[in-house]
Protein backbone atom coordinates (compact mmCIF):
# COMPACT_ATOMS: atom_id res chain seq x y z
CA MET A 1 168.37 171.91 180.26
CA CYS A 2 169.42 168.39 179.35
CA VAL A 3 167.74 165.55 177.46
CA THR A 4 169.34 162.18 178.04
CA GLY A 5 168.36 160.13 175.00
CA PRO A 6 166.09 159.58 172.03
CA GLY A 7 162.40 159.28 172.74
CA LYS A 8 162.67 161.33 175.93
CA ARG A 9 160.19 164.08 176.80
CA LEU A 10 161.63 166.91 178.91
CA PHE A 11 159.15 169.08 180.82
CA VAL A 12 160.92 172.31 181.67
CA ALA A 13 160.19 174.20 184.89
CA ALA A 14 159.25 177.86 184.69
CA GLY A 15 162.19 180.22 184.63
CA THR A 16 164.85 181.80 182.44
CA TYR A 17 167.46 179.54 180.86
CA SER A 18 170.68 181.05 179.53
CA ALA A 19 174.44 180.61 179.70
CA GLU A 20 174.60 183.16 182.52
CA THR A 21 171.72 181.96 184.70
CA THR A 22 171.71 178.18 184.23
CA GLY A 23 174.94 177.37 182.39
CA GLU A 24 173.28 176.40 179.10
CA VAL A 25 175.54 175.54 176.18
CA PHE A 26 174.11 176.67 172.86
CA PRO A 27 172.82 175.62 170.47
CA LEU A 28 170.45 173.35 172.34
CA ILE A 29 170.10 170.24 170.18
CA VAL A 30 166.83 168.37 169.75
CA ARG A 31 167.38 164.99 168.11
CA GLY A 32 164.53 162.58 168.71
CA HIS A 33 163.41 164.46 171.85
CA ALA A 34 160.57 166.67 173.04
CA VAL A 35 161.23 169.85 175.01
CA GLU A 36 158.07 171.28 176.56
CA GLY A 37 157.14 174.09 178.89
CA ARG A 38 153.91 173.97 180.83
CA PRO A 39 151.45 176.68 179.74
CA ASP A 40 149.75 176.59 183.14
CA GLY A 41 152.98 176.59 185.12
CA GLY A 42 154.65 179.88 184.27
CA ALA A 43 156.81 181.04 181.38
CA VAL A 44 159.85 179.14 180.20
CA THR A 45 162.20 181.65 178.57
CA VAL A 46 165.34 180.57 176.70
CA ILE A 47 167.95 183.22 175.85
CA GLY A 48 171.15 182.35 174.01
CA LEU A 49 172.91 181.59 170.73
CA GLY A 50 175.64 179.18 169.73
CA PRO A 51 177.49 178.30 166.52
CA SER A 52 176.30 175.75 163.98
CA ALA A 53 177.15 175.04 160.35
CA ASP A 54 174.29 177.39 159.44
CA GLY A 55 175.23 180.26 161.74
CA ASP A 56 174.30 181.07 165.33
CA VAL A 57 171.23 179.21 166.59
CA THR A 58 169.30 178.79 169.85
CA PHE A 59 167.53 175.46 169.15
CA LEU A 60 168.96 173.14 166.49
CA VAL A 61 166.41 170.46 165.60
CA GLU A 62 167.90 167.48 163.76
CA PRO A 63 164.92 165.13 163.52
CA ALA A 64 165.38 161.50 164.44
CA GLY A 65 163.16 158.71 165.73
CA SER A 66 159.49 159.48 166.25
CA LEU A 67 159.63 162.41 168.69
CA ASN A 68 160.92 165.83 167.63
CA GLN A 69 159.02 168.56 169.38
CA LEU A 70 159.29 172.05 170.87
CA LYS A 71 156.24 173.23 172.77
CA ASP A 72 155.19 176.15 175.00
CA LEU A 73 158.53 177.98 175.14
CA GLU A 74 159.61 181.62 174.78
CA ILE A 75 162.83 181.96 172.79
CA VAL A 76 164.58 185.33 172.75
CA SER A 77 167.75 186.46 171.00
CA PRO A 78 170.43 187.79 173.38
CA SER A 79 171.43 190.34 170.74
CA SER A 80 168.75 192.18 168.79
CA GLY A 81 168.53 190.99 165.19
CA ALA A 82 171.12 188.24 165.59
CA GLY A 83 170.97 184.54 164.80
CA THR A 84 168.14 182.05 164.30
CA GLY A 85 165.73 181.04 167.04
CA ILE A 86 164.85 177.57 165.71
CA LEU A 87 166.63 175.77 162.89
CA VAL A 88 164.99 172.56 161.71
CA ARG A 89 167.65 170.92 159.59
CA ASP A 90 165.74 168.11 158.01
CA GLY A 91 167.21 165.14 156.16
CA ALA A 92 165.92 162.61 153.67
CA THR A 93 165.74 159.86 156.32
CA SER A 94 164.55 161.96 159.23
CA SER A 95 161.09 162.15 160.80
CA ASP A 96 158.43 164.78 161.36
CA THR A 97 158.87 167.83 163.60
CA LEU A 98 156.26 169.66 165.67
CA VAL A 99 156.71 173.25 166.88
CA GLN A 100 153.66 174.32 168.88
CA GLY A 101 152.82 177.30 171.08
CA VAL A 102 156.33 178.73 170.85
CA GLY A 103 157.15 182.45 170.97
CA VAL A 104 160.26 183.55 169.05
CA SER A 105 161.39 187.16 169.11
CA ASP A 106 164.19 189.54 168.19
CA PHE A 107 166.22 187.20 165.94
CA GLY A 108 167.58 187.67 162.46
CA THR A 109 165.23 184.80 161.55
CA GLY A 110 162.69 183.30 163.92
CA LEU A 111 162.45 179.82 162.40
CA VAL A 112 164.16 178.18 159.43
CA ALA A 113 162.99 174.83 158.04
CA THR A 114 165.35 173.38 155.48
CA GLY A 115 166.51 170.17 153.89
CA GLY A 116 164.65 167.00 153.04
CA ALA A 117 161.05 166.05 152.53
CA LYS A 118 159.67 165.27 156.01
CA LEU A 119 156.90 167.33 157.56
CA VAL A 120 157.55 170.37 159.76
CA SER A 121 154.37 171.52 161.51
CA VAL A 122 154.38 174.97 163.14
CA SER A 123 151.22 175.99 164.96
CA SER A 124 149.93 178.54 167.47
CA GLY A 125 153.27 180.34 167.59
CA ASP A 126 154.19 184.01 167.96
CA PHE A 127 157.01 185.18 165.68
CA VAL A 128 157.28 188.85 166.52
CA GLY A 129 160.01 191.40 165.85
CA ASN A 130 162.35 189.19 163.82
CA GLY A 131 164.24 190.15 160.67
CA THR A 132 162.33 187.30 159.00
CA GLY A 133 159.58 185.53 160.91
CA ILE A 134 159.63 182.09 159.21
CA ARG A 135 161.68 180.88 156.23
CA THR A 136 161.27 177.56 154.44
CA GLU A 137 163.76 176.30 151.87
CA GLY A 138 165.14 173.20 150.21
CA ASN A 139 162.59 170.43 149.68
CA VAL A 140 161.00 170.66 153.11
CA LEU A 141 157.29 170.03 153.62
CA ALA A 142 155.67 172.43 156.08
CA GLN A 143 152.27 173.22 157.55
CA LEU A 144 151.88 176.63 159.16
CA THR A 145 148.67 176.98 161.16
CA ALA A 146 147.32 179.71 163.47
CA ASN A 147 150.62 181.55 163.97
CA ARG A 148 151.23 185.27 164.42
CA ILE A 149 154.08 186.62 162.27
CA GLU A 150 154.22 190.34 162.97
CA ASN A 151 156.25 193.52 163.29
CA GLY A 152 159.45 192.25 161.70
CA GLY A 153 161.34 192.87 158.49
CA SER A 154 159.88 190.12 156.28
CA GLY A 155 157.06 187.90 157.51
CA LEU A 156 156.99 184.53 155.75
CA ARG A 157 159.46 183.55 153.01
CA ILE A 158 158.70 180.36 151.04
CA LEU A 159 161.87 179.63 149.09
CA GLY A 160 163.55 176.87 147.12
CA SER A 161 161.32 173.90 146.33
CA SER A 162 159.61 173.87 149.71
CA VAL A 163 155.98 172.74 149.79
CA VAL A 164 154.12 174.84 152.35
CA GLN A 165 150.48 174.96 153.39
CA VAL A 166 149.51 178.22 155.13
CA ARG A 167 146.22 178.31 157.05
CA SER A 168 144.61 180.62 159.64
CA ASN A 169 147.72 182.70 160.31
CA THR A 170 147.96 186.41 161.06
CA ILE A 171 150.84 187.90 159.07
CA ARG A 172 150.88 191.64 159.39
CA ASP A 173 152.79 194.87 159.86
CA ASN A 174 156.14 193.62 158.58
CA SER A 175 158.28 196.40 157.12
CA ALA A 176 159.07 194.69 153.79
CA GLN A 177 156.59 192.08 152.45
CA ASN A 178 154.32 189.98 154.63
CA VAL A 179 154.62 186.91 152.37
CA GLU A 180 157.31 186.25 149.75
CA VAL A 181 156.85 183.20 147.49
CA GLU A 182 159.63 181.79 145.36
CA SER A 183 158.55 178.13 145.43
CA SER A 184 155.86 176.70 143.16
CA GLY A 185 154.79 174.56 146.13
CA ALA A 186 153.22 177.36 148.18
CA ASP A 187 149.54 176.98 149.14
CA LEU A 188 148.06 180.08 150.79
CA GLY A 189 144.48 178.91 150.20
CA ALA A 190 142.58 176.99 147.53
CA VAL A 191 139.05 176.72 146.23
CA GLY A 192 137.30 174.44 148.71
CA ALA A 193 140.12 174.87 151.23
CA PRO A 194 140.43 178.62 151.88
CA GLY A 195 143.48 180.04 153.56
CA ASN A 196 141.67 182.04 156.26
CA ASN A 197 144.87 184.02 156.74
CA THR A 198 144.95 187.71 157.63
CA ILE A 199 147.73 189.31 155.57
CA GLN A 200 147.75 193.06 156.09
CA GLY A 201 149.78 196.18 156.75
CA ALA A 202 153.10 195.37 155.08
CA GLY A 203 155.56 198.16 154.36
CA GLY A 204 155.65 196.83 150.78
CA VAL A 205 153.03 194.57 149.21
CA ASN A 206 151.31 191.94 151.32
CA ILE A 207 152.04 189.03 148.94
CA TRP A 208 155.02 189.01 146.56
CA ASN A 209 155.02 186.23 143.99
CA ARG A 210 158.53 185.52 142.67
CA SER A 211 157.72 182.02 141.41
CA GLY A 212 156.91 182.92 137.81
CA GLY A 213 153.73 180.84 138.10
CA THR A 214 150.40 180.79 139.89
CA VAL A 215 150.24 181.02 143.67
CA PRO A 216 146.93 179.85 145.17
CA ALA A 217 145.81 182.37 147.82
CA VAL A 218 142.03 181.97 147.99
CA GLY A 219 140.01 183.03 151.02
CA ASN A 220 142.35 185.42 152.81
CA THR A 221 141.83 188.91 154.26
CA LEU A 222 144.03 191.58 152.67
CA ASP A 223 143.94 195.37 153.08
CA ALA A 224 140.65 196.70 151.76
CA GLY A 225 142.18 200.09 150.93
CA ARG A 226 144.94 198.75 148.68
CA LEU A 227 144.90 197.92 144.97
CA THR A 228 144.85 194.28 143.95
CA ASP A 229 146.42 194.46 140.50
CA GLN A 230 147.95 191.33 138.99
CA ALA A 231 150.03 193.52 136.66
CA ASN A 232 151.89 195.21 139.51
CA GLU A 233 155.57 194.24 139.58
CA ASP A 234 156.76 196.59 142.35
CA GLU A 235 156.98 194.61 145.58
CA THR A 236 157.95 197.73 147.54
CA ASP A 237 154.75 199.68 146.74
CA PRO A 238 152.40 199.81 149.77
CA ALA A 239 149.53 201.03 147.60
CA HIS A 240 149.19 197.43 146.35
CA ASN A 241 148.24 194.20 148.08
CA ILE A 242 150.15 192.01 145.61
CA ALA A 243 153.06 191.99 143.17
CA ASN A 244 154.04 189.42 140.57
CA GLU A 245 157.30 188.92 138.78
CA PRO A 246 156.81 188.31 135.02
CA GLY A 247 154.66 185.26 134.30
CA GLY A 248 153.22 185.18 137.81
CA CYS A 249 149.66 185.35 139.07
CA ILE A 250 148.18 185.23 142.58
CA GLU A 251 144.84 183.45 142.62
CA LEU A 252 142.72 185.27 145.19
CA SER A 253 139.21 184.20 144.24
CA GLY A 254 139.52 181.11 142.07
CA SER A 255 139.10 183.02 138.81
CA ASP A 256 142.01 185.49 138.78
CA CYS A 257 144.53 183.48 136.80
CA PRO A 258 144.58 181.85 133.35
């Protein structure tokens, strides 16, 4: 799997790509390129990890130029619970990144978006069985739309100063929390722009607010049988939908928070 220069779009034939089967050298670096499977042409499965400054990675996206895209791929860790499937290492002068229709499974972390302030858009993906499904950090801007983040350890972790809009995702059945929010820039749904996320079935609470402030989370579907108590501070308690660290509030209806 080779991309020859910036601005190139690589359409990958169906098959399994790994060090053993096709001689891939990991991490596979995307820098101003697009790497795309063909959803009507059979599965493209990529299996492998290689060293980077941020640990072992399958795809290392270092945005450049106008084209930085991964689309219609299945990415699988060669060792259960190891490494990162996709690392978007953004920089202050880099460009936007699109990750669309990608399945990522069995990693320590499915996708990490970190660094500068350009947009990382992740849509229609399946992040299943990872230690953490998606993690954002640094000052990155991200839009997460219509993804499944399921059956892992933690679902979505919004850390640092990242600014993240979360819409129409299914985040469920993760063994710790489904959503953990440290950043004041998280938007899980607002009045007039509801989240339409399904956030259910966590081993702990469904939404854990660590920000010390208000997290907008209007218009989502949580577990009907759980308590929704703003005073709860125990993020491990599955009897509750939400937990706040002191000073925090999760705005679920538009009138929950001061």
